N, C-alpha and C. Protein backbone atom coordinates (compact mmCIF):
# COMPACT_ATOMS: atom_id res chain seq x y z
N MET A 1 -22.16 -44.36 -9.55
CA MET A 1 -21.14 -44.19 -10.61
C MET A 1 -20.32 -45.53 -10.48
N ARG A 2 -19.77 -45.75 -11.59
CA ARG A 2 -19.02 -46.85 -11.94
C ARG A 2 -17.49 -46.54 -11.54
N LYS A 3 -16.64 -47.58 -11.23
CA LYS A 3 -15.40 -47.33 -10.86
C LYS A 3 -14.61 -46.50 -12.02
N GLY A 4 -14.78 -46.90 -13.27
CA GLY A 4 -14.26 -46.25 -14.47
C GLY A 4 -14.60 -44.61 -14.42
N SER A 5 -15.75 -44.25 -14.29
CA SER A 5 -16.41 -42.88 -14.27
C SER A 5 -15.55 -42.24 -12.91
N ILE A 6 -15.48 -42.92 -11.76
CA ILE A 6 -15.12 -42.31 -10.55
C ILE A 6 -13.64 -41.96 -10.92
N ARG A 7 -12.93 -42.82 -11.57
CA ARG A 7 -11.49 -42.79 -12.00
C ARG A 7 -11.30 -41.42 -13.11
N ILE A 8 -12.01 -41.27 -13.84
CA ILE A 8 -11.97 -40.21 -14.81
C ILE A 8 -12.18 -38.86 -14.05
N VAL A 9 -13.27 -38.91 -13.13
CA VAL A 9 -13.42 -37.55 -12.37
C VAL A 9 -12.31 -37.17 -11.49
N ARG A 10 -11.60 -38.34 -10.97
CA ARG A 10 -10.54 -37.95 -10.12
C ARG A 10 -9.36 -37.32 -10.95
N LEU A 11 -9.38 -38.04 -12.12
CA LEU A 11 -7.98 -37.44 -12.99
C LEU A 11 -8.42 -36.16 -13.50
N ALA A 12 -9.68 -35.91 -13.81
CA ALA A 12 -9.95 -34.54 -14.35
C ALA A 12 -9.67 -33.59 -13.11
N LEU A 13 -10.17 -33.78 -11.94
CA LEU A 13 -9.82 -32.86 -10.80
C LEU A 13 -8.44 -32.64 -10.46
N ALA A 14 -7.50 -33.69 -10.59
CA ALA A 14 -6.24 -33.51 -10.48
C ALA A 14 -5.63 -32.82 -11.55
N GLY A 15 -6.04 -33.01 -12.65
CA GLY A 15 -5.63 -32.05 -13.94
C GLY A 15 -5.89 -30.76 -13.63
N LEU A 16 -7.16 -30.38 -13.12
CA LEU A 16 -7.59 -28.96 -12.99
C LEU A 16 -6.60 -28.48 -11.86
N LEU A 17 -6.18 -29.13 -10.89
CA LEU A 17 -5.33 -28.70 -9.70
C LEU A 17 -3.95 -28.48 -10.24
N VAL A 18 -3.51 -29.26 -11.08
CA VAL A 18 -2.07 -29.02 -11.64
C VAL A 18 -2.14 -27.87 -12.49
N LEU A 19 -3.21 -27.66 -13.19
CA LEU A 19 -3.48 -26.38 -14.11
C LEU A 19 -3.30 -25.24 -13.41
N GLY A 20 -4.16 -25.17 -12.32
CA GLY A 20 -4.28 -24.03 -11.32
C GLY A 20 -2.86 -23.75 -10.86
N MET A 21 -2.07 -24.61 -10.41
CA MET A 21 -0.65 -24.36 -9.96
C MET A 21 0.11 -24.08 -10.99
N ALA A 22 -0.06 -24.23 -12.37
CA ALA A 22 0.81 -24.07 -13.32
C ALA A 22 0.56 -22.77 -13.93
N THR A 23 -0.46 -21.99 -13.66
CA THR A 23 -0.80 -20.79 -14.26
C THR A 23 0.04 -19.69 -13.66
N PRO A 24 0.21 -18.49 -14.25
CA PRO A 24 1.14 -17.44 -13.57
C PRO A 24 0.44 -17.18 -12.11
N ALA A 25 1.42 -16.81 -11.22
CA ALA A 25 1.20 -16.40 -9.90
C ALA A 25 0.01 -15.35 -9.82
N ARG A 26 -0.86 -15.53 -9.11
CA ARG A 26 -1.98 -14.62 -8.74
C ARG A 26 -1.31 -13.31 -7.95
N ALA A 27 -1.77 -12.09 -7.98
CA ALA A 27 -1.24 -11.06 -7.41
C ALA A 27 -1.48 -11.27 -5.79
N GLY A 28 -0.36 -11.10 -5.18
CA GLY A 28 -0.49 -11.42 -3.72
C GLY A 28 -0.70 -10.10 -2.94
N THR A 29 -0.78 -10.20 -1.53
CA THR A 29 -0.97 -9.14 -0.72
C THR A 29 0.29 -8.94 0.33
N GLY A 30 0.64 -7.92 0.78
CA GLY A 30 1.48 -7.79 1.70
C GLY A 30 1.09 -6.74 2.92
N THR A 31 1.92 -6.71 3.87
CA THR A 31 1.53 -5.79 4.85
C THR A 31 2.52 -4.46 4.91
N VAL A 32 2.18 -3.48 5.13
CA VAL A 32 2.91 -2.17 5.18
C VAL A 32 3.11 -1.35 6.42
N SER A 33 4.04 -0.80 6.82
CA SER A 33 4.18 0.10 7.98
C SER A 33 5.09 1.28 7.43
N VAL A 34 4.51 2.54 7.73
CA VAL A 34 5.09 3.68 7.28
C VAL A 34 5.13 4.76 8.46
N VAL A 35 6.26 5.43 8.37
CA VAL A 35 6.46 6.71 9.21
C VAL A 35 6.72 7.92 8.37
N PHE A 36 5.87 8.80 8.34
CA PHE A 36 5.95 9.93 7.42
C PHE A 36 5.89 11.25 8.21
N THR A 37 6.83 12.17 7.96
CA THR A 37 6.92 13.50 8.54
C THR A 37 6.64 14.54 7.63
N LYS A 38 5.77 15.53 8.06
CA LYS A 38 5.25 16.45 6.89
C LYS A 38 5.33 17.99 7.64
N ALA A 39 5.66 18.79 6.68
CA ALA A 39 5.66 20.23 7.10
C ALA A 39 5.42 21.14 5.96
N GLY A 40 4.71 22.07 6.11
CA GLY A 40 4.48 23.18 5.11
C GLY A 40 3.22 24.18 5.40
N PHE A 41 3.27 25.10 4.66
CA PHE A 41 2.19 25.99 4.48
C PHE A 41 1.79 26.21 2.99
N VAL A 42 0.69 25.92 2.76
CA VAL A 42 0.33 25.93 1.29
C VAL A 42 0.92 24.89 0.55
N LEU A 43 2.27 24.88 0.58
CA LEU A 43 2.90 23.61 -0.28
C LEU A 43 3.58 22.75 0.95
N GLY A 44 3.27 21.55 1.15
CA GLY A 44 3.63 20.83 2.18
C GLY A 44 4.61 19.84 1.57
N VAL A 45 5.75 19.52 2.41
CA VAL A 45 6.74 18.42 1.66
C VAL A 45 7.04 17.50 3.12
N GLY A 46 7.43 16.15 2.71
CA GLY A 46 7.71 15.38 3.78
C GLY A 46 8.48 14.20 3.21
N GLY A 47 8.90 13.33 4.21
CA GLY A 47 9.60 12.15 3.88
C GLY A 47 9.52 11.22 4.90
N GLY A 48 9.87 10.09 4.90
CA GLY A 48 9.90 9.01 5.61
C GLY A 48 10.44 7.52 5.22
N HIS A 49 10.16 6.63 6.06
CA HIS A 49 10.44 5.26 5.57
C HIS A 49 9.61 4.33 6.06
N GLY A 50 9.55 3.09 5.43
CA GLY A 50 8.66 2.12 5.68
C GLY A 50 9.15 0.70 5.26
N VAL A 51 8.18 -0.32 5.67
CA VAL A 51 8.64 -1.64 5.38
C VAL A 51 7.39 -2.52 4.97
N LEU A 52 7.63 -3.03 3.66
CA LEU A 52 6.64 -4.03 3.10
C LEU A 52 7.13 -5.44 3.66
N THR A 53 6.07 -6.19 4.16
CA THR A 53 6.47 -7.52 4.58
C THR A 53 5.72 -8.33 3.54
N TYR A 54 6.32 -9.20 2.77
CA TYR A 54 5.75 -9.95 1.55
C TYR A 54 6.31 -11.34 1.69
N HIS A 55 5.50 -12.32 1.67
CA HIS A 55 5.94 -13.81 1.70
C HIS A 55 6.88 -13.94 2.72
N GLY A 56 6.85 -13.26 4.15
CA GLY A 56 7.64 -13.52 5.05
C GLY A 56 8.90 -12.73 5.20
N GLU A 57 9.23 -12.14 4.00
CA GLU A 57 10.36 -11.25 3.96
C GLU A 57 10.11 -9.79 4.19
N ARG A 58 11.08 -9.09 4.55
CA ARG A 58 10.85 -7.64 5.07
C ARG A 58 11.57 -6.87 3.86
N TYR A 59 10.90 -5.76 3.28
CA TYR A 59 11.58 -5.03 2.29
C TYR A 59 11.43 -3.52 2.68
N PRO A 60 12.55 -2.96 3.02
CA PRO A 60 12.55 -1.35 3.48
C PRO A 60 12.44 -0.52 2.07
N PHE A 61 11.76 0.49 2.38
CA PHE A 61 11.75 1.52 1.46
C PHE A 61 11.61 2.78 2.02
N ARG A 62 11.81 3.97 0.87
CA ARG A 62 11.70 5.37 1.44
C ARG A 62 10.58 5.97 0.84
N VAL A 63 10.01 7.00 1.57
CA VAL A 63 8.72 7.49 1.07
C VAL A 63 8.99 9.09 1.09
N SER A 64 8.65 9.86 -0.19
CA SER A 64 8.74 11.12 -0.06
C SER A 64 7.55 11.70 -0.78
N GLY A 65 7.27 13.05 -0.44
CA GLY A 65 5.89 13.52 -1.06
C GLY A 65 5.91 15.19 -0.94
N ALA A 66 4.76 15.38 -1.52
CA ALA A 66 4.47 16.84 -1.37
C ALA A 66 2.99 16.87 -1.70
N SER A 67 2.59 18.13 -1.15
CA SER A 67 1.00 18.40 -1.20
C SER A 67 0.87 19.95 -1.60
N PHE A 68 -0.11 20.34 -2.29
CA PHE A 68 -0.40 21.43 -2.60
C PHE A 68 -1.86 21.81 -2.37
N GLY A 69 -2.13 22.86 -1.88
CA GLY A 69 -3.58 23.40 -1.49
C GLY A 69 -3.47 24.15 -0.17
N ALA A 70 -4.66 23.98 0.57
CA ALA A 70 -4.82 24.59 1.81
C ALA A 70 -4.27 23.84 2.74
N THR A 71 -2.99 24.05 3.01
CA THR A 71 -2.01 23.03 3.94
C THR A 71 -1.39 23.81 4.84
N ILE A 72 -1.53 23.57 6.18
CA ILE A 72 -0.74 24.09 7.38
C ILE A 72 -0.30 22.72 8.05
N ALA A 73 0.95 22.40 8.06
CA ALA A 73 1.21 21.12 8.82
C ALA A 73 2.76 21.11 9.35
N ALA A 74 2.66 20.47 10.67
CA ALA A 74 4.02 20.04 11.28
C ALA A 74 3.58 18.86 11.81
N SER A 75 3.58 17.61 11.25
CA SER A 75 3.21 16.28 11.79
C SER A 75 4.01 15.20 11.43
N THR A 76 3.58 14.10 12.10
CA THR A 76 4.42 12.77 11.94
C THR A 76 3.16 11.80 12.04
N THR A 77 3.05 10.99 11.00
CA THR A 77 2.11 10.00 10.81
C THR A 77 2.64 8.65 10.80
N LYS A 78 2.23 7.79 11.71
CA LYS A 78 2.55 6.32 11.65
C LYS A 78 1.27 5.47 10.99
N LEU A 79 1.54 4.96 9.87
CA LEU A 79 0.39 4.13 9.21
C LEU A 79 0.85 2.95 9.03
N VAL A 80 -0.10 1.97 9.06
CA VAL A 80 0.03 0.55 8.78
C VAL A 80 -1.13 0.07 7.96
N GLY A 81 -1.03 -1.01 7.14
CA GLY A 81 -2.08 -1.51 6.45
C GLY A 81 -1.62 -2.64 5.42
N THR A 82 -2.40 -2.80 4.22
CA THR A 82 -2.06 -3.74 3.29
C THR A 82 -1.61 -3.13 2.03
N ALA A 83 -0.89 -3.84 1.26
CA ALA A 83 -0.59 -3.61 -0.28
C ALA A 83 -1.19 -4.66 -1.11
N LEU A 84 -2.12 -4.44 -1.84
CA LEU A 84 -2.74 -5.36 -2.65
C LEU A 84 -2.27 -5.49 -4.12
N ASN A 85 -2.43 -6.33 -4.76
CA ASN A 85 -2.08 -6.65 -6.21
C ASN A 85 -0.47 -6.68 -6.46
N LEU A 86 0.11 -7.28 -5.56
CA LEU A 86 1.49 -7.29 -5.65
C LEU A 86 1.90 -8.55 -6.46
N ARG A 87 2.73 -8.51 -7.48
CA ARG A 87 3.32 -9.69 -8.15
C ARG A 87 4.80 -9.87 -7.62
N GLY A 88 5.25 -8.92 -6.91
CA GLY A 88 6.66 -8.96 -6.40
C GLY A 88 6.82 -7.77 -5.53
N PRO A 89 7.87 -7.83 -4.69
CA PRO A 89 7.97 -6.63 -3.58
C PRO A 89 8.37 -5.35 -4.25
N ARG A 90 8.89 -5.38 -5.57
CA ARG A 90 9.44 -3.96 -6.25
C ARG A 90 8.07 -3.39 -6.76
N ASP A 91 6.97 -4.16 -7.00
CA ASP A 91 5.83 -3.50 -7.48
C ASP A 91 5.18 -2.27 -6.60
N ILE A 92 5.66 -2.31 -5.40
CA ILE A 92 5.29 -0.98 -4.59
C ILE A 92 5.83 0.03 -4.92
N ALA A 93 7.00 0.04 -5.59
CA ALA A 93 7.74 1.34 -5.90
C ALA A 93 6.85 1.96 -6.95
N GLY A 94 6.94 3.46 -6.87
CA GLY A 94 6.21 4.30 -7.79
C GLY A 94 5.80 5.40 -7.15
N THR A 95 4.85 6.10 -7.96
CA THR A 95 4.22 7.32 -7.55
C THR A 95 2.67 7.10 -7.39
N TYR A 96 2.28 7.53 -6.30
CA TYR A 96 0.95 7.54 -5.84
C TYR A 96 0.25 8.88 -5.59
N SER A 97 -0.92 9.21 -5.89
CA SER A 97 -1.61 10.38 -5.69
C SER A 97 -2.90 10.29 -5.05
N ALA A 98 -3.17 11.37 -4.41
CA ALA A 98 -4.53 11.46 -3.77
C ALA A 98 -4.83 12.91 -3.63
N LEU A 99 -6.43 13.00 -3.58
CA LEU A 99 -7.07 14.25 -3.20
C LEU A 99 -7.55 14.06 -1.82
N GLY A 100 -7.26 15.04 -0.92
CA GLY A 100 -7.89 14.66 0.47
C GLY A 100 -7.99 15.83 1.35
N VAL A 101 -8.64 15.38 2.42
CA VAL A 101 -8.88 16.41 3.55
C VAL A 101 -8.49 15.84 4.68
N GLY A 102 -7.79 16.34 5.75
CA GLY A 102 -7.54 15.87 6.85
C GLY A 102 -7.07 17.05 7.94
N GLY A 103 -6.96 16.37 9.19
CA GLY A 103 -6.55 17.42 10.23
C GLY A 103 -6.15 16.54 11.51
N ALA A 104 -5.28 17.35 12.25
CA ALA A 104 -4.96 16.91 13.43
C ALA A 104 -4.40 18.04 14.47
N LEU A 105 -4.68 17.94 15.66
CA LEU A 105 -4.23 18.87 16.62
C LEU A 105 -3.82 18.09 17.81
N ALA A 106 -2.41 18.13 17.86
CA ALA A 106 -1.74 17.28 18.94
C ALA A 106 -1.89 15.75 18.57
N ALA A 107 -3.02 15.25 18.30
CA ALA A 107 -3.07 13.89 17.98
C ALA A 107 -4.35 13.53 17.08
N GLY A 108 -4.29 12.68 16.30
CA GLY A 108 -5.52 12.41 15.39
C GLY A 108 -5.24 11.09 14.77
N ALA A 109 -6.20 10.71 14.00
CA ALA A 109 -6.28 9.29 13.26
C ALA A 109 -6.78 9.56 11.81
N GLY A 110 -6.40 8.67 10.96
CA GLY A 110 -6.81 8.87 9.66
C GLY A 110 -6.55 7.59 8.84
N GLY A 111 -6.95 7.54 7.66
CA GLY A 111 -6.72 6.64 6.68
C GLY A 111 -6.71 7.13 5.22
N VAL A 112 -6.03 6.26 4.29
CA VAL A 112 -5.96 6.77 3.09
C VAL A 112 -5.84 5.35 2.08
N THR A 113 -6.25 5.51 1.02
CA THR A 113 -6.09 4.53 -0.20
C THR A 113 -5.54 5.03 -1.44
N LEU A 114 -4.41 4.56 -1.83
CA LEU A 114 -3.61 4.99 -2.82
C LEU A 114 -3.42 3.87 -3.94
N GLN A 115 -3.13 4.31 -5.08
CA GLN A 115 -2.78 3.36 -6.18
C GLN A 115 -1.69 4.06 -6.94
N ASN A 116 -0.66 2.94 -7.42
CA ASN A 116 0.27 3.47 -8.46
C ASN A 116 0.05 2.90 -9.74
N ALA A 117 1.07 3.20 -10.63
CA ALA A 117 0.89 2.83 -12.04
C ALA A 117 1.13 1.10 -12.28
N ASN A 118 1.55 0.39 -11.12
CA ASN A 118 1.88 -0.90 -11.28
C ASN A 118 0.42 -1.53 -10.86
N GLY A 119 -0.57 -0.89 -10.40
CA GLY A 119 -1.75 -1.48 -9.98
C GLY A 119 -1.96 -1.96 -8.47
N VAL A 120 -0.75 -1.44 -7.79
CA VAL A 120 -0.59 -1.78 -6.38
C VAL A 120 -1.52 -0.73 -5.67
N ILE A 121 -2.37 -1.37 -4.80
CA ILE A 121 -3.34 -0.44 -4.12
C ILE A 121 -2.94 -0.46 -2.44
N LEU A 122 -2.63 0.60 -1.97
CA LEU A 122 -2.33 0.71 -0.49
C LEU A 122 -3.46 1.09 0.14
N HIS A 123 -3.94 0.33 1.15
CA HIS A 123 -4.90 0.84 2.18
C HIS A 123 -4.29 1.14 3.65
N LEU A 124 -4.17 2.37 4.13
CA LEU A 124 -3.26 2.43 5.33
C LEU A 124 -4.18 3.29 6.16
N THR A 125 -4.05 2.93 7.34
CA THR A 125 -4.72 3.86 8.61
C THR A 125 -3.49 4.01 9.73
N GLY A 126 -3.68 5.13 10.43
CA GLY A 126 -2.87 5.32 11.58
C GLY A 126 -3.03 6.58 12.23
N ALA A 127 -2.06 6.83 13.29
CA ALA A 127 -2.17 7.85 14.15
C ALA A 127 -1.31 9.05 13.55
N LYS A 128 -1.72 10.22 13.95
CA LYS A 128 -0.97 11.34 13.46
C LYS A 128 -0.72 12.29 14.59
N VAL A 129 0.39 12.72 14.89
CA VAL A 129 1.11 13.41 15.94
C VAL A 129 1.41 14.86 15.50
N GLY A 130 0.88 15.94 16.10
CA GLY A 130 1.32 17.20 15.58
C GLY A 130 0.12 18.19 15.31
N VAL A 131 0.57 19.09 14.13
CA VAL A 131 -0.73 19.98 13.61
C VAL A 131 -0.64 19.83 12.48
N GLU A 132 -1.77 19.62 11.74
CA GLU A 132 -2.03 19.46 10.26
C GLU A 132 -3.67 19.88 10.03
N LEU A 133 -3.76 20.70 8.96
CA LEU A 133 -5.08 21.04 8.52
C LEU A 133 -4.69 21.13 6.96
N SER A 134 -5.53 20.40 6.24
CA SER A 134 -5.42 20.19 4.86
C SER A 134 -6.59 19.97 3.99
N ALA A 135 -6.44 20.49 2.92
CA ALA A 135 -7.64 20.02 1.82
C ALA A 135 -6.54 20.33 0.38
N SER A 136 -6.08 19.08 0.00
CA SER A 136 -4.97 19.51 -0.78
C SER A 136 -4.80 18.25 -1.79
N TRP A 137 -4.16 18.45 -2.93
CA TRP A 137 -3.50 17.38 -3.76
C TRP A 137 -2.36 16.86 -3.22
N ALA A 138 -2.14 15.45 -3.21
CA ALA A 138 -0.69 15.01 -2.40
C ALA A 138 -0.36 14.16 -3.43
N GLY A 139 0.89 14.05 -3.50
CA GLY A 139 1.74 12.93 -4.36
C GLY A 139 2.77 12.32 -3.42
N VAL A 140 2.84 10.96 -3.55
CA VAL A 140 3.69 10.44 -2.69
C VAL A 140 4.49 9.38 -3.67
N THR A 141 5.95 9.50 -3.48
CA THR A 141 6.52 8.41 -4.18
C THR A 141 7.47 7.52 -3.37
N ILE A 142 7.34 6.29 -3.56
CA ILE A 142 8.06 5.08 -2.93
C ILE A 142 9.24 4.62 -3.72
N THR A 143 10.26 4.49 -3.08
CA THR A 143 11.58 3.80 -3.81
C THR A 143 12.04 2.84 -2.88
N MET A 144 12.55 1.73 -3.24
CA MET A 144 13.19 0.52 -2.58
C MET A 144 14.54 0.87 -2.09
N ASP A 145 14.84 0.61 -1.00
CA ASP A 145 16.01 0.80 -0.33
C ASP A 145 17.22 -0.05 -1.09
């Protein structure tokens, strides 16, 4: 290649790099930890707290929820995982719903994937302590502190 051609290619690559940085920020990923306590018979209710870590900052939030179906529960679950498709920390707030089956007697483990109207997807796994048997619909609401 001639020097002129090499220079044009370098300028073109530099231009693409600048354009890539000038476009709107892509959705990010954060880490999430949640402690959720649940109790109920047929109708389960629960609540807890959590922390989103996003771009090195910690954002506390509250979790509340309810389930309806075949539920017998008195349990505490500690979940950790990722929050995908975040454009900002407040995107995690909203209502998530899931249809699920789970159980624990003294101790157990499980996981869940949830999505809210902002497009945020939570992939969470963790340990459960207590008694819980369920085959139910559940709704979870996250509000920022």
